[in-house]
Each structure stands twice: as C-alpha cells, then as structure tokens.
Amino acid sequence: MIEITRLLLDFGLCILIWMVQLIVYPSFLFFSDNNLFTWHKTYTKAIALIVIPLMLGQLGIVIYQVFLAQNTFTLISIVLVVLLWGITLLKFAPMHQQISKGNTQIHLLKTLVQMNWIRTIIWTLLFVLSTYRFF
C-alpha cells in the first residue's frame, strides 16, 4: 500500500512540475507587470493547495521508507526529496516573494523558468525510480 501511495504522489508531482515548467512559468513572460502581479497572488494560493499536500506526503513516505530499510532506493529518494525541499524553500520561495512584491522583471521570470529545470528533472527522476521499484 505504501508503495502505491508513493508512486501516486511521485506521479502527481512529476505531472505537476512538467505543467508548471512548460505552461505556467513561461506564461509569466506574457503578462503585463500589473496583470502578473495580480495573477501571481491567485496562482500561488491555488497551487499551494495542491503542492503542499503532495510534497508533505512524499516527504513523509520517503522518511518512513528510510526507517524501514536503508538501501540505494530509499537513500537516493531521501537525498533527492530533501534537495527539492531545500531548493524550493531557499530559491523558489524567495523568487515568488519578489514577484508578489511587484518585481516582475524579465530577468527574474527567466531565471524562474531556467532554474525550475532542476526541480523538473529531480521530480521526474523520483517518479522513474518509484516506477522502476514498483514494477
């Protein structure tokens, strides 16, 4: 049961990050400054309702799996999930705070898109690992 839940959480986060990477973040470049400022407030509240439970669930299951067994799969998983949390809290949250404060400079928005490839690759890798482990 725990493996299915982990697979579903990893799948959900993988799909979500690809949508953010290919659709949501690039769309920020097409908003006027005022429209982006207004939209960003709505977006961050709405996306948090999806992302926070998924990330907390993933973190909880990965920690549980590490306590059950320390093997290559669980150790790689915990390192990647902790890395994702670190990048999200230390890099992406501050960038989103800047946008929320009215900083809609093209450089910041392009940096958001470029740096998000790191999270996209890591969440994709976690899903691939879970899929391989499950089947």
N, C-alpha and C. Protein backbone atom coordinates (compact mmCIF):
# COMPACT_ATOMS: atom_id res chain seq x y z
N MET A 1 0.81 -1.20 0.00
CA MET A 1 0.00 0.00 0.00
C MET A 1 0.86 1.26 0.00
N ILE A 2 1.92 1.24 0.78
CA ILE A 2 2.79 2.42 0.87
C ILE A 2 3.47 2.68 -0.47
N GLU A 3 3.82 1.60 -1.18
CA GLU A 3 4.47 1.75 -2.48
C GLU A 3 3.54 2.38 -3.51
N ILE A 4 2.27 2.00 -3.46
CA ILE A 4 1.29 2.58 -4.40
C ILE A 4 1.10 4.07 -4.09
N THR A 5 0.99 4.39 -2.82
CA THR A 5 0.82 5.79 -2.42
C THR A 5 2.03 6.60 -2.85
N ARG A 6 3.22 6.07 -2.64
CA ARG A 6 4.45 6.76 -3.05
C ARG A 6 4.45 6.97 -4.56
N LEU A 7 4.10 5.93 -5.30
CA LEU A 7 4.06 6.03 -6.76
C LEU A 7 3.07 7.10 -7.21
N LEU A 8 1.91 7.14 -6.59
CA LEU A 8 0.90 8.14 -6.96
C LEU A 8 1.36 9.56 -6.63
N LEU A 9 1.98 9.75 -5.47
CA LEU A 9 2.49 11.07 -5.10
C LEU A 9 3.61 11.50 -6.06
N ASP A 10 4.52 10.59 -6.35
CA ASP A 10 5.61 10.92 -7.28
C ASP A 10 5.06 11.23 -8.67
N PHE A 11 4.07 10.47 -9.10
CA PHE A 11 3.43 10.73 -10.40
C PHE A 11 2.77 12.10 -10.41
N GLY A 12 2.01 12.39 -9.36
CA GLY A 12 1.34 13.69 -9.27
C GLY A 12 2.30 14.85 -9.31
N LEU A 13 3.38 14.75 -8.57
CA LEU A 13 4.37 15.83 -8.55
C LEU A 13 5.11 15.93 -9.88
N CYS A 14 5.35 14.80 -10.51
CA CYS A 14 6.01 14.81 -11.82
C CYS A 14 5.14 15.51 -12.86
N ILE A 15 3.88 15.14 -12.92
CA ILE A 15 2.97 15.78 -13.88
C ILE A 15 2.84 17.27 -13.57
N LEU A 16 2.68 17.59 -12.31
CA LEU A 16 2.51 18.98 -11.90
C LEU A 16 3.72 19.83 -12.28
N ILE A 17 4.92 19.33 -12.01
CA ILE A 17 6.11 20.14 -12.29
C ILE A 17 6.31 20.32 -13.79
N TRP A 18 5.95 19.31 -14.59
CA TRP A 18 6.06 19.48 -16.04
C TRP A 18 5.06 20.52 -16.55
N MET A 19 3.86 20.55 -15.98
CA MET A 19 2.89 21.58 -16.36
C MET A 19 3.38 22.97 -15.97
N VAL A 20 3.94 23.07 -14.78
CA VAL A 20 4.49 24.35 -14.33
C VAL A 20 5.65 24.76 -15.25
N GLN A 21 6.52 23.81 -15.56
CA GLN A 21 7.71 24.12 -16.36
C GLN A 21 7.37 24.52 -17.80
N LEU A 22 6.43 23.81 -18.39
CA LEU A 22 6.14 24.04 -19.81
C LEU A 22 5.02 25.05 -20.06
N ILE A 23 4.15 25.26 -19.07
CA ILE A 23 3.00 26.14 -19.29
C ILE A 23 2.98 27.34 -18.34
N VAL A 24 2.98 27.06 -17.05
CA VAL A 24 2.72 28.13 -16.07
C VAL A 24 3.85 29.15 -16.02
N TYR A 25 5.07 28.71 -15.71
CA TYR A 25 6.16 29.68 -15.59
C TYR A 25 6.44 30.43 -16.89
N PRO A 26 6.49 29.76 -18.03
CA PRO A 26 6.71 30.52 -19.27
C PRO A 26 5.59 31.54 -19.55
N SER A 27 4.37 31.25 -19.11
CA SER A 27 3.27 32.19 -19.34
C SER A 27 3.48 33.50 -18.60
N PHE A 28 4.25 33.48 -17.51
CA PHE A 28 4.53 34.70 -16.75
C PHE A 28 5.17 35.76 -17.64
N LEU A 29 5.91 35.33 -18.65
CA LEU A 29 6.60 36.26 -19.54
C LEU A 29 5.65 37.03 -20.44
N PHE A 30 4.41 36.58 -20.56
CA PHE A 30 3.45 37.21 -21.46
C PHE A 30 2.46 38.14 -20.75
N PHE A 31 2.55 38.20 -19.43
CA PHE A 31 1.67 39.08 -18.67
C PHE A 31 2.25 40.49 -18.62
N SER A 32 1.38 41.48 -18.57
CA SER A 32 1.86 42.82 -18.25
C SER A 32 2.26 42.81 -16.77
N ASP A 33 3.05 43.78 -16.36
CA ASP A 33 3.51 43.80 -14.98
C ASP A 33 2.35 43.77 -13.98
N ASN A 34 1.37 44.60 -14.20
CA ASN A 34 0.23 44.68 -13.27
C ASN A 34 -0.58 43.39 -13.28
N ASN A 35 -0.82 42.84 -14.47
CA ASN A 35 -1.59 41.60 -14.56
C ASN A 35 -0.86 40.43 -13.91
N LEU A 36 0.46 40.36 -14.09
CA LEU A 36 1.23 39.29 -13.45
C LEU A 36 1.17 39.44 -11.93
N PHE A 37 1.34 40.64 -11.45
CA PHE A 37 1.28 40.89 -10.01
C PHE A 37 -0.06 40.41 -9.45
N THR A 38 -1.13 40.73 -10.12
CA THR A 38 -2.48 40.32 -9.68
C THR A 38 -2.66 38.82 -9.80
N TRP A 39 -2.31 38.24 -10.95
CA TRP A 39 -2.47 36.81 -11.20
C TRP A 39 -1.62 35.98 -10.26
N HIS A 40 -0.41 36.42 -9.98
CA HIS A 40 0.52 35.66 -9.16
C HIS A 40 -0.04 35.40 -7.77
N LYS A 41 -0.74 36.37 -7.21
CA LYS A 41 -1.35 36.19 -5.88
C LYS A 41 -2.37 35.05 -5.92
N THR A 42 -3.19 35.03 -6.95
CA THR A 42 -4.19 33.97 -7.11
C THR A 42 -3.51 32.63 -7.36
N TYR A 43 -2.53 32.63 -8.25
CA TYR A 43 -1.82 31.40 -8.62
C TYR A 43 -1.15 30.75 -7.42
N THR A 44 -0.40 31.54 -6.63
CA THR A 44 0.36 30.95 -5.53
C THR A 44 -0.56 30.36 -4.46
N LYS A 45 -1.68 30.99 -4.20
CA LYS A 45 -2.62 30.43 -3.22
C LYS A 45 -3.23 29.13 -3.75
N ALA A 46 -3.60 29.11 -5.00
CA ALA A 46 -4.24 27.93 -5.58
C ALA A 46 -3.26 26.76 -5.72
N ILE A 47 -2.07 27.05 -6.20
CA ILE A 47 -1.10 25.97 -6.41
C ILE A 47 -0.63 25.39 -5.08
N ALA A 48 -0.59 26.21 -4.04
CA ALA A 48 -0.19 25.74 -2.71
C ALA A 48 -1.14 24.66 -2.20
N LEU A 49 -2.42 24.78 -2.52
CA LEU A 49 -3.40 23.78 -2.09
C LEU A 49 -3.13 22.41 -2.70
N ILE A 50 -2.45 22.40 -3.83
CA ILE A 50 -2.11 21.14 -4.50
C ILE A 50 -0.70 20.68 -4.11
N VAL A 51 0.25 21.61 -4.16
CA VAL A 51 1.65 21.26 -3.97
C VAL A 51 1.98 20.86 -2.53
N ILE A 52 1.49 21.61 -1.57
CA ILE A 52 1.87 21.35 -0.17
C ILE A 52 1.48 19.94 0.28
N PRO A 53 0.23 19.51 0.08
CA PRO A 53 -0.09 18.14 0.50
C PRO A 53 0.72 17.07 -0.25
N LEU A 54 0.95 17.28 -1.54
CA LEU A 54 1.75 16.31 -2.29
C LEU A 54 3.18 16.24 -1.77
N MET A 55 3.80 17.40 -1.56
CA MET A 55 5.18 17.42 -1.08
C MET A 55 5.29 16.86 0.34
N LEU A 56 4.35 17.20 1.21
CA LEU A 56 4.37 16.67 2.58
C LEU A 56 4.16 15.16 2.56
N GLY A 57 3.25 14.69 1.73
CA GLY A 57 3.02 13.26 1.61
C GLY A 57 4.25 12.53 1.12
N GLN A 58 4.87 13.08 0.09
CA GLN A 58 6.09 12.48 -0.46
C GLN A 58 7.19 12.43 0.59
N LEU A 59 7.39 13.55 1.29
CA LEU A 59 8.41 13.60 2.33
C LEU A 59 8.13 12.58 3.43
N GLY A 60 6.89 12.52 3.88
CA GLY A 60 6.53 11.57 4.94
C GLY A 60 6.77 10.13 4.54
N ILE A 61 6.38 9.77 3.35
CA ILE A 61 6.56 8.39 2.89
C ILE A 61 8.03 8.06 2.70
N VAL A 62 8.79 9.00 2.14
CA VAL A 62 10.22 8.74 1.93
C VAL A 62 10.93 8.57 3.28
N ILE A 63 10.60 9.38 4.26
CA ILE A 63 11.19 9.23 5.60
C ILE A 63 10.81 7.87 6.18
N TYR A 64 9.54 7.51 6.05
CA TYR A 64 9.08 6.20 6.54
C TYR A 64 9.84 5.06 5.85
N GLN A 65 10.02 5.16 4.53
CA GLN A 65 10.73 4.11 3.80
C GLN A 65 12.19 4.01 4.24
N VAL A 66 12.81 5.13 4.55
CA VAL A 66 14.20 5.11 5.02
C VAL A 66 14.28 4.41 6.37
N PHE A 67 13.30 4.65 7.24
CA PHE A 67 13.31 3.98 8.54
C PHE A 67 13.07 2.48 8.40
N LEU A 68 12.27 2.08 7.42
CA LEU A 68 12.01 0.66 7.21
C LEU A 68 13.23 -0.07 6.67
N ALA A 69 13.90 0.57 5.70
CA ALA A 69 15.05 -0.08 5.06
C ALA A 69 15.98 0.97 4.49
N GLN A 70 17.24 0.82 4.79
CA GLN A 70 18.25 1.70 4.21
C GLN A 70 18.90 0.96 3.05
N ASN A 71 18.46 1.33 1.86
CA ASN A 71 19.02 0.74 0.66
C ASN A 71 19.23 1.86 -0.36
N THR A 72 19.74 1.51 -1.51
CA THR A 72 20.03 2.51 -2.53
C THR A 72 18.79 3.32 -2.89
N PHE A 73 17.66 2.65 -3.06
CA PHE A 73 16.42 3.33 -3.44
C PHE A 73 16.00 4.34 -2.38
N THR A 74 15.95 3.93 -1.13
CA THR A 74 15.47 4.84 -0.09
C THR A 74 16.45 5.97 0.18
N LEU A 75 17.74 5.67 0.11
CA LEU A 75 18.74 6.72 0.37
C LEU A 75 18.78 7.75 -0.76
N ILE A 76 18.70 7.30 -2.01
CA ILE A 76 18.64 8.24 -3.13
C ILE A 76 17.36 9.07 -3.03
N SER A 77 16.27 8.41 -2.68
CA SER A 77 14.98 9.11 -2.56
C SER A 77 15.04 10.21 -1.52
N ILE A 78 15.56 9.92 -0.34
CA ILE A 78 15.58 10.93 0.73
C ILE A 78 16.50 12.08 0.35
N VAL A 79 17.63 11.79 -0.27
CA VAL A 79 18.54 12.86 -0.70
C VAL A 79 17.85 13.76 -1.72
N LEU A 80 17.18 13.17 -2.69
CA LEU A 80 16.51 13.96 -3.72
C LEU A 80 15.35 14.78 -3.16
N VAL A 81 14.56 14.19 -2.27
CA VAL A 81 13.43 14.92 -1.69
C VAL A 81 13.92 16.06 -0.80
N VAL A 82 14.93 15.83 0.00
CA VAL A 82 15.49 16.91 0.83
C VAL A 82 16.08 18.00 -0.06
N LEU A 83 16.73 17.62 -1.14
CA LEU A 83 17.25 18.60 -2.10
C LEU A 83 16.12 19.44 -2.69
N LEU A 84 15.02 18.79 -3.06
CA LEU A 84 13.86 19.51 -3.59
C LEU A 84 13.31 20.50 -2.58
N TRP A 85 13.17 20.07 -1.34
CA TRP A 85 12.68 20.97 -0.29
C TRP A 85 13.63 22.15 -0.11
N GLY A 86 14.92 21.87 -0.10
CA GLY A 86 15.90 22.94 0.08
C GLY A 86 15.85 23.95 -1.05
N ILE A 87 15.84 23.46 -2.28
CA ILE A 87 15.78 24.35 -3.45
C ILE A 87 14.48 25.16 -3.44
N THR A 88 13.39 24.48 -3.12
CA THR A 88 12.09 25.16 -3.13
C THR A 88 12.05 26.26 -2.08
N LEU A 89 12.51 25.95 -0.88
CA LEU A 89 12.44 26.94 0.21
C LEU A 89 13.50 28.04 0.08
N LEU A 90 14.68 27.68 -0.37
CA LEU A 90 15.78 28.65 -0.40
C LEU A 90 15.87 29.44 -1.70
N LYS A 91 15.39 28.90 -2.80
CA LYS A 91 15.50 29.58 -4.10
C LYS A 91 14.15 30.02 -4.66
N PHE A 92 13.19 29.10 -4.71
CA PHE A 92 11.94 29.40 -5.39
C PHE A 92 10.98 30.24 -4.54
N ALA A 93 10.90 29.95 -3.26
CA ALA A 93 10.03 30.77 -2.41
C ALA A 93 10.46 32.24 -2.44
N PRO A 94 11.76 32.55 -2.31
CA PRO A 94 12.17 33.96 -2.41
C PRO A 94 11.86 34.59 -3.77
N MET A 95 11.99 33.84 -4.86
CA MET A 95 11.66 34.39 -6.17
C MET A 95 10.16 34.71 -6.26
N HIS A 96 9.35 33.81 -5.74
CA HIS A 96 7.91 34.06 -5.74
C HIS A 96 7.55 35.23 -4.82
N GLN A 97 8.27 35.37 -3.73
CA GLN A 97 8.04 36.52 -2.85
C GLN A 97 8.37 37.82 -3.57
N GLN A 98 9.42 37.81 -4.36
CA GLN A 98 9.77 39.01 -5.13
C GLN A 98 8.66 39.37 -6.11
N ILE A 99 8.13 38.38 -6.79
CA ILE A 99 7.03 38.63 -7.73
C ILE A 99 5.82 39.16 -6.97
N SER A 100 5.53 38.58 -5.81
CA SER A 100 4.40 39.01 -5.01
C SER A 100 4.55 40.45 -4.52
N LYS A 101 5.79 40.91 -4.43
CA LYS A 101 6.05 42.29 -4.01
C LYS A 101 6.11 43.25 -5.20
N GLY A 102 5.88 42.72 -6.40
CA GLY A 102 5.82 43.58 -7.58
C GLY A 102 7.03 43.52 -8.49
N ASN A 103 8.01 42.69 -8.17
CA ASN A 103 9.17 42.56 -9.05
C ASN A 103 8.81 41.60 -10.18
N THR A 104 8.53 42.16 -11.34
CA THR A 104 8.17 41.34 -12.49
C THR A 104 9.18 41.50 -13.62
N GLN A 105 10.44 41.75 -13.25
CA GLN A 105 11.49 41.93 -14.25
C GLN A 105 11.68 40.64 -15.04
N ILE A 106 11.92 40.82 -16.32
CA ILE A 106 12.11 39.68 -17.24
C ILE A 106 13.23 38.77 -16.75
N HIS A 107 14.30 39.33 -16.23
CA HIS A 107 15.43 38.52 -15.76
C HIS A 107 14.97 37.55 -14.65
N LEU A 108 14.19 38.04 -13.71
CA LEU A 108 13.69 37.19 -12.62
C LEU A 108 12.79 36.08 -13.18
N LEU A 109 11.91 36.43 -14.09
CA LEU A 109 10.98 35.44 -14.65
C LEU A 109 11.72 34.39 -15.47
N LYS A 110 12.72 34.80 -16.23
CA LYS A 110 13.51 33.83 -17.00
C LYS A 110 14.34 32.94 -16.07
N THR A 111 14.84 33.51 -14.99
CA THR A 111 15.59 32.72 -14.01
C THR A 111 14.68 31.67 -13.38
N LEU A 112 13.45 32.05 -13.09
CA LEU A 112 12.47 31.12 -12.53
C LEU A 112 12.28 29.92 -13.46
N VAL A 113 12.12 30.19 -14.74
CA VAL A 113 11.93 29.11 -15.73
C VAL A 113 13.20 28.26 -15.83
N GLN A 114 14.34 28.90 -15.96
CA GLN A 114 15.60 28.15 -16.15
C GLN A 114 15.94 27.30 -14.93
N MET A 115 15.83 27.88 -13.74
CA MET A 115 16.16 27.13 -12.52
C MET A 115 15.18 26.01 -12.25
N ASN A 116 13.94 26.17 -12.70
CA ASN A 116 12.94 25.15 -12.43
C ASN A 116 13.24 23.84 -13.16
N TRP A 117 14.11 23.88 -14.16
CA TRP A 117 14.50 22.62 -14.81
C TRP A 117 15.14 21.67 -13.80
N ILE A 118 15.80 22.21 -12.80
CA ILE A 118 16.41 21.36 -11.76
C ILE A 118 15.33 20.56 -11.05
N ARG A 119 14.28 21.24 -10.61
CA ARG A 119 13.19 20.53 -9.92
C ARG A 119 12.46 19.59 -10.87
N THR A 120 12.30 20.00 -12.11
CA THR A 120 11.62 19.15 -13.09
C THR A 120 12.38 17.84 -13.28
N ILE A 121 13.67 17.93 -13.41
CA ILE A 121 14.49 16.72 -13.59
C ILE A 121 14.45 15.84 -12.34
N ILE A 122 14.56 16.46 -11.16
CA ILE A 122 14.58 15.67 -9.92
C ILE A 122 13.24 14.98 -9.70
N TRP A 123 12.12 15.69 -9.87
CA TRP A 123 10.82 15.04 -9.66
C TRP A 123 10.56 13.97 -10.72
N THR A 124 11.05 14.18 -11.91
CA THR A 124 10.93 13.15 -12.94
C THR A 124 11.75 11.92 -12.56
N LEU A 125 12.95 12.15 -12.08
CA LEU A 125 13.81 11.05 -11.64
C LEU A 125 13.16 10.27 -10.49
N LEU A 126 12.57 10.97 -9.54
CA LEU A 126 11.89 10.29 -8.44
C LEU A 126 10.74 9.42 -8.94
N PHE A 127 9.99 9.93 -9.91
CA PHE A 127 8.90 9.14 -10.47
C PHE A 127 9.44 7.91 -11.20
N VAL A 128 10.50 8.09 -11.97
CA VAL A 128 11.10 6.96 -12.68
C VAL A 128 11.61 5.91 -11.69
N LEU A 129 12.25 6.36 -10.62
CA LEU A 129 12.74 5.43 -9.59
C LEU A 129 11.59 4.67 -8.94
N SER A 130 10.52 5.38 -8.62
CA SER A 130 9.35 4.74 -7.99
C SER A 130 8.71 3.73 -8.94
N THR A 131 8.62 4.10 -10.20
CA THR A 131 8.03 3.21 -11.20
C THR A 131 8.88 1.95 -11.34
N TYR A 132 10.18 2.14 -11.45
CA TYR A 132 11.10 1.00 -11.56
C TYR A 132 11.00 0.10 -10.33
N ARG A 133 10.94 0.72 -9.17
CA ARG A 133 10.88 -0.03 -7.91
C ARG A 133 9.55 -0.78 -7.77
N PHE A 134 8.47 -0.14 -8.25
CA PHE A 134 7.14 -0.72 -8.09
C PHE A 134 6.93 -1.92 -9.01
N PHE A 135 7.43 -1.81 -10.25
CA PHE A 135 7.20 -2.87 -11.24
C PHE A 135 8.38 -3.77 -11.35
